[in-house]
PDB file of N, CA and C in Angstrom:
ATOM      1  N   MET A   1       0.853  -1.071  -0.040  1.00  0.00           N
ATOM      2  CA  MET A   1       0.125  -0.092  -0.069  1.00  0.00           C
ATOM      3  C   MET A   1       0.966   1.235  -0.066  1.00  0.00           C
ATOM      4  N   SER A   2       0.585   2.395  -0.828  1.00  0.00           N
ATOM      5  CA  SER A   2       1.234   3.527  -0.844  1.00  0.00           C
ATOM      6  C   SER A   2       0.820   4.646   0.392  1.00  0.00           C
ATOM      7  N   THR A   3       2.080   5.062   0.568  1.00  0.00           N
ATOM      8  CA  THR A   3       2.030   6.069   1.681  1.00  0.00           C
ATOM      9  C   THR A   3       0.813   6.945   1.281  1.00  0.00           C
ATOM     10  N   VAL A   4       0.421   7.630   0.588  1.00  0.00           N
ATOM     11  CA  VAL A   4      -1.035   8.136   0.240  1.00  0.00           C
ATOM     12  C   VAL A   4      -2.197   7.691   0.337  1.00  0.00           C
ATOM     13  N   LYS A   5      -2.184   6.264   0.301  1.00  0.00           N
ATOM     14  CA  LYS A   5      -3.467   5.368   0.361  1.00  0.00           C
ATOM     15  C   LYS A   5      -3.413   5.019   1.862  1.00  0.00           C
ATOM     16  N   GLU A   6      -2.163   4.915   2.866  1.00  0.00           N
ATOM     17  CA  GLU A   6      -2.701   4.715   4.522  1.00  0.00           C
ATOM     18  C   GLU A   6      -2.878   6.149   4.768  1.00  0.00           C
ATOM     19  N   ILE A   7      -2.105   7.429   4.295  1.00  0.00           N
ATOM     20  CA  ILE A   7      -2.791   8.308   4.916  1.00  0.00           C
ATOM     21  C   ILE A   7      -4.363   8.820   5.050  1.00  0.00           C
ATOM     22  N   GLN A   8      -4.723   8.329   3.720  1.00  0.00           N
ATOM     23  CA  GLN A   8      -6.239   8.510   3.357  1.00  0.00           C
ATOM     24  C   GLN A   8      -6.974   7.311   3.877  1.00  0.00           C
ATOM     25  N   ALA A   9      -6.218   6.276   4.280  1.00  0.00           N
ATOM     26  CA  ALA A   9      -7.299   5.703   5.285  1.00  0.00           C
ATOM     27  C   ALA A   9      -7.159   5.844   6.820  1.00  0.00           C
ATOM     28  N   ALA A  10      -6.313   6.461   7.258  1.00  0.00           N
ATOM     29  CA  ALA A  10      -6.152   6.909   8.784  1.00  0.00           C
ATOM     30  C   ALA A  10      -6.727   8.078   8.903  1.00  0.00           C
ATOM     31  N   ILE A  11      -7.184   9.032   7.982  1.00  0.00           N
ATOM     32  CA  ILE A  11      -7.785  10.061   8.163  1.00  0.00           C
ATOM     33  C   ILE A  11      -9.213  10.166   8.701  1.00  0.00           C
ATOM     34  N   PRO A  12      -9.796   9.088   8.072  1.00  0.00           N
ATOM     35  CA  PRO A  12     -11.463   8.929   8.593  1.00  0.00           C
ATOM     36  C   PRO A  12     -11.442   8.449  10.318  1.00  0.00           C
ATOM     37  N   LYS A  13     -10.349   8.121  10.637  1.00  0.00           N
ATOM     38  CA  LYS A  13     -10.271   7.707  12.347  1.00  0.00           C
ATOM     39  C   LYS A  13      -9.770   8.503  13.267  1.00  0.00           C
ATOM     40  N   LEU A  14      -9.563   9.727  12.378  1.00  0.00           N
ATOM     41  CA  LEU A  14      -9.123  10.782  13.346  1.00  0.00           C
ATOM     42  C   LEU A  14     -10.126  11.824  13.738  1.00  0.00           C
ATOM     43  N   SER A  15     -10.138  12.347  15.224  1.00  0.00           N
ATOM     44  CA  SER A  15     -10.886  13.403  15.522  1.00  0.00           C
ATOM     45  C   SER A  15     -11.193  14.719  14.330  1.00  0.00           C
ATOM     46  N   ARG A  16     -11.912  15.239  14.346  1.00  0.00           N
ATOM     47  CA  ARG A  16     -12.047  16.525  13.920  1.00  0.00           C
ATOM     48  C   ARG A  16     -11.165  17.512  13.881  1.00  0.00           C
ATOM     49  N   GLU A  17     -10.624  17.609  15.364  1.00  0.00           N
ATOM     50  CA  GLU A  17      -9.493  18.853  15.940  1.00  0.00           C
ATOM     51  C   GLU A  17      -8.162  18.039  15.041  1.00  0.00           C
ATOM     52  N   GLU A  18      -8.371  16.638  15.186  1.00  0.00           N
ATOM     53  CA  GLU A  18      -6.704  15.911  14.485  1.00  0.00           C
ATOM     54  C   GLU A  18      -6.448  16.498  13.203  1.00  0.00           C
ATOM     55  N   ILE A  19      -7.904  16.521  12.289  1.00  0.00           N
ATOM     56  CA  ILE A  19      -7.885  16.559  10.963  1.00  0.00           C
ATOM     57  C   ILE A  19      -7.709  18.012  10.783  1.00  0.00           C
ATOM     58  N   GLU A  20      -8.071  19.038  11.630  1.00  0.00           N
ATOM     59  CA  GLU A  20      -7.813  20.580  11.110  1.00  0.00           C
ATOM     60  C   GLU A  20      -6.275  20.623  11.862  1.00  0.00           C
ATOM     61  N   GLU A  21      -5.398  20.166  12.522  1.00  0.00           N
ATOM     62  CA  GLU A  21      -4.427  20.423  12.672  1.00  0.00           C
ATOM     63  C   GLU A  21      -3.532  19.825  11.496  1.00  0.00           C
ATOM     64  N   ILE A  22      -3.777  18.396  10.820  1.00  0.00           N
ATOM     65  CA  ILE A  22      -3.198  18.287   9.896  1.00  0.00           C
ATOM     66  C   ILE A  22      -2.997  18.938   8.737  1.00  0.00           C
ATOM     67  N   ARG A  23      -4.405  19.626   8.306  1.00  0.00           N
ATOM     68  CA  ARG A  23      -4.891  20.350   7.519  1.00  0.00           C
ATOM     69  C   ARG A  23      -4.110  21.796   7.574  1.00  0.00           C
ATOM     70  N   GLU A  24      -3.985  22.437   8.725  1.00  0.00           N
ATOM     71  CA  GLU A  24      -3.162  23.560   9.156  1.00  0.00           C
ATOM     72  C   GLU A  24      -1.425  23.160   8.775  1.00  0.00           C
ATOM     73  N   TRP A  25      -1.462  21.974   9.359  1.00  0.00           N
ATOM     74  CA  TRP A  25       0.378  21.694   8.931  1.00  0.00           C
ATOM     75  C   TRP A  25       0.576  21.826   7.244  1.00  0.00           C
ATOM     76  N   ILE A  26      -0.271  20.883   6.508  1.00  0.00           N
ATOM     77  CA  ILE A  26      -0.296  21.059   5.309  1.00  0.00           C
ATOM     78  C   ILE A  26      -0.379  22.242   4.689  1.00  0.00           C
ATOM     79  N   ASP A  27      -1.063  23.325   4.899  1.00  0.00           N
ATOM     80  CA  ASP A  27      -1.217  24.702   4.564  1.00  0.00           C
ATOM     81  C   ASP A  27       0.128  25.231   4.762  1.00  0.00           C
ATOM     82  N   ASP A  28       0.301  25.119   6.117  1.00  0.00           N
ATOM     83  CA  ASP A  28       1.830  26.000   6.282  1.00  0.00           C
ATOM     84  C   ASP A  28       2.725  24.961   5.153  1.00  0.00           C
ATOM     85  N   TYR A  29       2.932  23.619   5.289  1.00  0.00           N
ATOM     86  CA  TYR A  29       3.907  23.288   4.510  1.00  0.00           C
ATOM     87  C   TYR A  29       4.050  23.553   2.903  1.00  0.00           C
ATOM     88  N   LEU A  30       3.028  23.710   2.459  1.00  0.00           N
ATOM     89  CA  LEU A  30       2.752  23.969   0.874  1.00  0.00           C
ATOM     90  C   LEU A  30       2.844  25.295   0.802  1.00  0.00           C
ATOM     91  N   GLU A  31       2.693  26.117   1.699  1.00  0.00           N
ATOM     92  CA  GLU A  31       3.101  27.731   1.589  1.00  0.00           C
ATOM     93  C   GLU A  31       4.562  28.001   1.582  1.00  0.00           C
ATOM     94  N   ASP A  32       5.293  27.172   2.756  1.00  0.00           N
ATOM     95  CA  ASP A  32       6.601  27.280   2.740  1.00  0.00           C
ATOM     96  C   ASP A  32       7.414  26.920   1.752  1.00  0.00           C
ATOM     97  N   HIS A  33       6.821  25.767   1.013  1.00  0.00           N
ATOM     98  CA  HIS A  33       7.649  25.082  -0.318  1.00  0.00           C
ATOM     99  C   HIS A  33       6.993  25.681  -1.588  1.00  0.00           C
ATOM    100  N   LEU A  34       6.192  26.666  -1.708  1.00  0.00           N
ATOM    101  CA  LEU A  34       5.857  27.393  -2.792  1.00  0.00           C
ATOM    102  C   LEU A  34       6.789  27.972  -3.509  1.00  0.00           C
ATOM    103  N   GLU A  35       6.508  27.367  -5.019  1.00  0.00           N
ATOM    104  CA  GLU A  35       7.750  27.719  -5.986  1.00  0.00           C
ATOM    105  C   GLU A  35       6.839  28.840  -6.830  1.00  0.00           C
ATOM    106  N   LEU A  36       7.753  30.042  -7.163  1.00  0.00           N
ATOM    107  CA  LEU A  36       6.899  30.915  -7.738  1.00  0.00           C
ATOM    108  C   LEU A  36       7.393  30.407  -9.283  1.00  0.00           C
ATOM    109  N   THR A  37       6.298  31.180 -10.097  1.00  0.00           N
ATOM    110  CA  THR A  37       6.469  30.683 -11.790  1.00  0.00           C
ATOM    111  C   THR A  37       7.781  31.762 -12.094  1.00  0.00           C
ATOM    112  N   ASN A  38       8.213  31.732 -13.404  1.00  0.00           N
ATOM    113  CA  ASN A  38       8.824  32.789 -13.779  1.00  0.00           C
ATOM    114  C   ASN A  38       7.956  33.963 -14.344  1.00  0.00           C
ATOM    115  N   GLU A  39       6.837  33.582 -14.752  1.00  0.00           N
ATOM    116  CA  GLU A  39       5.972  34.631 -14.861  1.00  0.00           C
ATOM    117  C   GLU A  39       5.665  35.707 -13.501  1.00  0.00           C
ATOM    118  N   VAL A  40       5.246  34.767 -12.136  1.00  0.00           N
ATOM    119  CA  VAL A  40       5.159  35.664 -11.279  1.00  0.00           C
ATOM    120  C   VAL A  40       6.233  36.473 -10.689  1.00  0.00           C
ATOM    121  N   LYS A  41       7.457  35.771 -10.807  1.00  0.00           N
ATOM    122  CA  LYS A  41       8.917  36.414 -10.614  1.00  0.00           C
ATOM    123  C   LYS A  41       9.456  37.454 -10.990  1.00  0.00           C
ATOM    124  N   ALA A  42       8.799  37.600 -12.889  1.00  0.00           N
ATOM    125  CA  ALA A  42       8.947  39.065 -13.659  1.00  0.00           C
ATOM    126  C   ALA A  42       7.837  39.883 -13.234  1.00  0.00           C
ATOM    127  N   LYS A  43       6.948  39.239 -13.026  1.00  0.00           N
ATOM    128  CA  LYS A  43       5.685  40.558 -12.352  1.00  0.00           C
ATOM    129  C   LYS A  43       6.336  41.243 -11.171  1.00  0.00           C
ATOM    130  N   LEU A  44       6.621  40.347 -10.395  1.00  0.00           N
ATOM    131  CA  LEU A  44       7.247  41.084  -8.913  1.00  0.00           C
ATOM    132  C   LEU A  44       8.757  41.684  -9.452  1.00  0.00           C
ATOM    133  N   GLY A  45       9.386  41.558  -9.911  1.00  0.00           N
ATOM    134  CA  GLY A  45      10.449  42.487 -10.481  1.00  0.00           C
ATOM    135  C   GLY A  45      10.147  43.768 -11.100  1.00  0.00           C
ATOM    136  N   GLN A  46       9.017  43.753 -11.927  1.00  0.00           N
ATOM    137  CA  GLN A  46       8.455  44.633 -12.678  1.00  0.00           C
ATOM    138  C   GLN A  46       8.050  45.975 -11.285  1.00  0.00           C
ATOM    139  N   SER A  47       7.186  45.226 -10.795  1.00  0.00           N
ATOM    140  CA  SER A  47       6.413  46.004  -9.416  1.00  0.00           C
ATOM    141  C   SER A  47       7.675  46.507  -8.630  1.00  0.00           C
ATOM    142  N   ARG A  48       8.529  45.788  -8.190  1.00  0.00           N
ATOM    143  CA  ARG A  48       9.538  46.398  -7.459  1.00  0.00           C
ATOM    144  C   ARG A  48      10.687  47.353  -7.993  1.00  0.00           C
ATOM    145  N   ARG A  49      10.571  47.421  -9.487  1.00  0.00           N
ATOM    146  CA  ARG A  49      10.988  48.487 -10.360  1.00  0.00           C
ATOM    147  C   ARG A  49      10.535  49.712 -10.273  1.00  0.00           C
ATOM    148  N   GLU A  50       9.151  49.291 -10.404  1.00  0.00           N
ATOM    149  CA  GLU A  50       8.202  50.895 -10.338  1.00  0.00           C
ATOM    150  C   GLU A  50       7.927  51.303  -9.402  1.00  0.00           C
ATOM    151  N   ILE A  51       8.163  50.537  -8.038  1.00  0.00           N
ATOM    152  CA  ILE A  51       8.208  51.228  -6.661  1.00  0.00           C
ATOM    153  C   ILE A  51       9.123  52.013  -6.547  1.00  0.00           C
ATOM    154  N   ALA A  52      10.561  51.384  -6.883  1.00  0.00           N
ATOM    155  CA  ALA A  52      11.772  52.411  -6.780  1.00  0.00           C
ATOM    156  C   ALA A  52      11.868  53.295  -7.405  1.00  0.00           C
ATOM    157  N   ALA A  53      11.205  53.358  -8.730  1.00  0.00           N
ATOM    158  CA  ALA A  53      11.087  54.490  -9.332  1.00  0.00           C
ATOM    159  C   ALA A  53       9.996  55.877  -9.253  1.00  0.00           C
ATOM    160  N   GLY A  54       9.304  55.474  -8.106  1.00  0.00           N
ATOM    161  CA  GLY A  54       8.393  55.963  -7.590  1.00  0.00           C
ATOM    162  C   GLY A  54       7.032  56.206  -8.569  1.00  0.00           C
ATOM    163  N   GLU A  55       7.014  54.730  -9.549  1.00  0.00           N
ATOM    164  CA  GLU A  55       5.913  54.901 -10.215  1.00  0.00           C
ATOM    165  C   GLU A  55       4.761  53.956  -9.998  1.00  0.00           C
ATOM    166  N   TYR A  56       3.915  54.530  -9.004  1.00  0.00           N
ATOM    167  CA  TYR A  56       2.890  53.406  -7.807  1.00  0.00           C
ATOM    168  C   TYR A  56       1.889  54.448  -7.578  1.00  0.00           C
ATOM    169  N   MET A  57       0.641  54.057  -7.335  1.00  0.00           N
ATOM    170  CA  MET A  57      -0.419  54.870  -7.129  1.00  0.00           C
ATOM    171  C   MET A  57      -0.851  54.556  -5.337  1.00  0.00           C
ATOM    172  N   THR A  58      -1.113  54.861  -4.647  1.00  0.00           N
ATOM    173  CA  THR A  58      -1.633  54.402  -3.138  1.00  0.00           C
ATOM    174  C   THR A  58      -3.544  54.712  -3.283  1.00  0.00           C
ATOM    175  N   ARG A  59      -4.325  53.643  -2.929  1.00  0.00           N
ATOM    176  CA  ARG A  59      -5.517  53.888  -2.675  1.00  0.00           C
ATOM    177  C   ARG A  59      -5.998  54.095  -1.275  1.00  0.00           C
ATOM    178  N   GLN A  60      -6.857  54.842  -1.100  1.00  0.00           N
ATOM    179  CA  GLN A  60      -7.530  54.947   0.521  1.00  0.00           C
ATOM    180  C   GLN A  60      -8.650  54.243   0.367  1.00  0.00           C
ATOM    181  N   PRO A  61      -8.853  53.699   1.864  1.00  0.00           N
ATOM    182  CA  PRO A  61     -10.211  52.881   1.966  1.00  0.00           C
ATOM    183  C   PRO A  61     -11.424  53.306   1.727  1.00  0.00           C
ATOM    184  N   ASN A  62     -12.405  52.641   1.249  1.00  0.00           N
ATOM    185  CA  ASN A  62     -13.498  53.289   1.158  1.00  0.00           C
ATOM    186  C   ASN A  62     -14.201  53.170   2.485  1.00  0.00           C
ATOM    187  N   ARG A  63     -14.706  54.481   3.083  1.00  0.00           N
ATOM    188  CA  ARG A  63     -14.981  54.748   4.618  1.00  0.00           C
ATOM    189  C   ARG A  63     -16.545  54.418   3.964  1.00  0.00           C
ATOM    190  N   SER A  64     -17.413  54.838   2.843  1.00  0.00           N
ATOM    191  CA  SER A  64     -18.598  55.056   3.143  1.00  0.00           C
ATOM    192  C   SER A  64     -19.200  53.327   3.078  1.00  0.00           C
ATOM    193  N   TRP A  65     -18.215  52.368   3.297  1.00  0.00           N
ATOM    194  CA  TRP A  65     -18.870  50.957   3.242  1.00  0.00           C
ATOM    195  C   TRP A  65     -18.487  50.650   4.459  1.00  0.00           C
ATOM    196  N   PRO A  66     -18.822  49.392   5.446  1.00  0.00           N
ATOM    197  CA  PRO A  66     -20.672  49.189   5.091  1.00  0.00           C
ATOM    198  C   PRO A  66     -21.553  50.356   5.637  1.00  0.00           C
ATOM    199  N   PRO A  67     -22.482  50.891   5.297  1.00  0.00           N
ATOM    200  CA  PRO A  67     -23.393  52.315   5.471  1.00  0.00           C
ATOM    201  C   PRO A  67     -23.579  51.819   7.146  1.00  0.00           C
ATOM    202  N   ARG A  68     -23.751  52.980   7.495  1.00  0.00           N
ATOM    203  CA  ARG A  68     -23.943  53.144   9.132  1.00  0.00           C
ATOM    204  C   ARG A  68     -24.991  52.599   9.549  1.00  0.00           C
ATOM    205  N   SER A  69     -25.959  52.251   8.385  1.00  0.00           N
ATOM    206  CA  SER A  69     -27.238  51.468   8.905  1.00  0.00           C
ATOM    207  C   SER A  69     -27.179  50.051   8.704  1.00  0.00           C
ATOM    208  N   ALA A  70     -26.088  49.488   8.887  1.00  0.00           N
ATOM    209  CA  ALA A  70     -25.412  48.345   8.841  1.00  0.00           C
ATOM    210  C   ALA A  70     -25.419  47.812  10.318  1.00  0.00           C
ATOM    211  N   ILE A  71     -25.814  46.296  10.377  1.00  0.00           N
ATOM    212  CA  ILE A  71     -25.767  46.129  11.898  1.00  0.00           C
ATOM    213  C   ILE A  71     -25.198  44.992  11.861  1.00  0.00           C
ATOM    214  N   ALA A  72     -23.788  45.262  12.952  1.00  0.00           N
ATOM    215  CA  ALA A  72     -22.960  44.105  12.849  1.00  0.00           C
ATOM    216  C   ALA A  72     -23.319  43.041  14.330  1.00  0.00           C
ATOM    217  N   SER A  73     -23.326  41.559  13.688  1.00  0.00           N
ATOM    218  CA  SER A  73     -23.485  40.779  14.878  1.00  0.00           C
ATOM    219  C   SER A  73     -22.902  39.613  14.565  1.00  0.00           C
ATOM    220  N   LYS A  74     -21.878  39.128  15.359  1.00  0.00           N
ATOM    221  CA  LYS A  74     -20.951  38.018  15.551  1.00  0.00           C
ATOM    222  C   LYS A  74     -20.296  37.823  14.309  1.00  0.00           C
ATOM    223  N   GLY A  75     -19.874  39.138  14.255  1.00  0.00           N
ATOM    224  CA  GLY A  75     -18.230  38.983  13.156  1.00  0.00           C
ATOM    225  C   GLY A  75     -18.963  39.365  11.677  1.00  0.00           C
ATOM    226  N   ALA A  76     -20.415  38.961  11.197  1.00  0.00           N
ATOM    227  CA  ALA A  76     -20.972  39.438  10.163  1.00  0.00           C
ATOM    228  C   ALA A  76     -21.889  40.831   9.996  1.00  0.00           C
ATOM    229  N   ILE A  77     -21.813  41.289   8.914  1.00  0.00           N
ATOM    230  CA  ILE A  77     -22.729  42.622   8.751  1.00  0.00           C
ATOM    231  C   ILE A  77     -23.889  42.195   8.090  1.00  0.00           C
ATOM    232  N   PHE A  78     -24.552  42.775   8.563  1.00  0.00           N
ATOM    233  CA  PHE A  78     -26.339  42.627   7.801  1.00  0.00           C
ATOM    234  C   PHE A  78     -26.702  43.849   7.551  1.00  0.00           C
ATOM    235  N   VAL A  79     -27.171  44.250   6.469  1.00  0.00           N
ATOM    236  CA  VAL A  79     -27.867  45.105   5.861  1.00  0.00           C
ATOM    237  C   VAL A  79     -29.066  45.299   5.528  1.00  0.00           C
ATOM    238  N   PRO A  80     -29.955  45.863   6.744  1.00  0.00           N
ATOM    239  CA  PRO A  80     -31.556  45.802   6.613  1.00  0.00           C
ATOM    240  C   PRO A  80     -32.169  46.055   5.237  1.00  0.00           C
ATOM    241  N   ALA A  81     -33.094  45.174   5.103  1.00  0.00           N
ATOM    242  CA  ALA A  81     -33.856  45.201   3.178  1.00  0.00           C
ATOM    243  C   ALA A  81     -34.300  46.990   3.343  1.00  0.00           C
ATOM    244  N   ARG A  82     -34.015  47.236   2.426  1.00  0.00           N
ATOM    245  CA  ARG A  82     -35.278  48.587   2.343  1.00  0.00           C
ATOM    246  C   ARG A  82     -36.480  48.652   1.925  1.00  0.00           C
TER     247      ARG A  82
END
């Protein structure tokens, strides 16, 4: 049996918390080992050159959203129907 199949067989036997812990570990692992494509590297290089040359724009946050009539509840924003 392959290692992948062994892992797949073991996961259903784990608790929800253990599965979430594995998921977090895999996410971190993939992020740490992410390799940028040549296209992304080129765009990053171009962006760095533009910033160094002062060729960039900044944006201000949209302070009109959410509307004052919005009701915040448990981290979510609900806008009353009109």
